Amino acid sequence: GLIMMAFGLLRLGKLVRMVPHPVMLGFVNGLAIIIALAQLEHFKNGEHWLSGTPLYLMTGLVLLTMAIVYVLPRLTRAVPPALVAILGVGLLVYLFGLPTRTLGDMAHIAGGLPTFALPDIPWSLETLRIIAPYAILMALVGLLETLLTLNLTDEITETRGYPDRECVALGAANVVSGAFGGMGGCAMIGQ
């Protein structure tokens, strides 16, 4: 997290513009494929694929979500369509008690807030020498993922993001999350 913050404070976020456009598209498309494949778990119950009514319900909810994301921007740009889709479909499922798979069905969710804890490691230059190369590598991977996605989003929406602010924010999220024992702002960094 500190490495990410330093990257932003030194205004190095703009270096991601040096990545060629085809590389950016390939990276982001690969990321999209990985995310899409991960979503298939919602269509499974244990090791078996859903069938019958549960399959039709999940397919209908996915199609409704996609329709909201596709149609809403044509009606208004006052609210983000993805946010409306997530809240709207989530509320629909909750209010009508639709039998869908939840995150709790797929993983154990413990209650309560995490406590502050420092890693139980020797605080020495030797430890830093061992950890630093991996920390730098993981910070760069997390920054690259975030900044390439930011560039593509800027291109699609015809807006301008702030890569240096993004670096500082991602770094801060990782520092805070790491201090409380949770996953970092970037899934790769927290593992």
Foldseek 3Di string as FASTA:
>chain_A
DVLLLVCLVVVVLVVLVVDDPVVLVVVVVVVVVVVVVVVLVQQAQVPHGDDDPQNVVVVVLVVQLVCQQVCVVVVDPPDHSNVCSVVVSVVVCVVVVPDGDDPVSVDPDDDDFFDFDDDPDDPDVVVCVVCVVVLNVLLVVQLSVVSSVQVVVCVVVVHDDRRSVVSNVQVVQQVVQVRRLHAGSGNSNRD
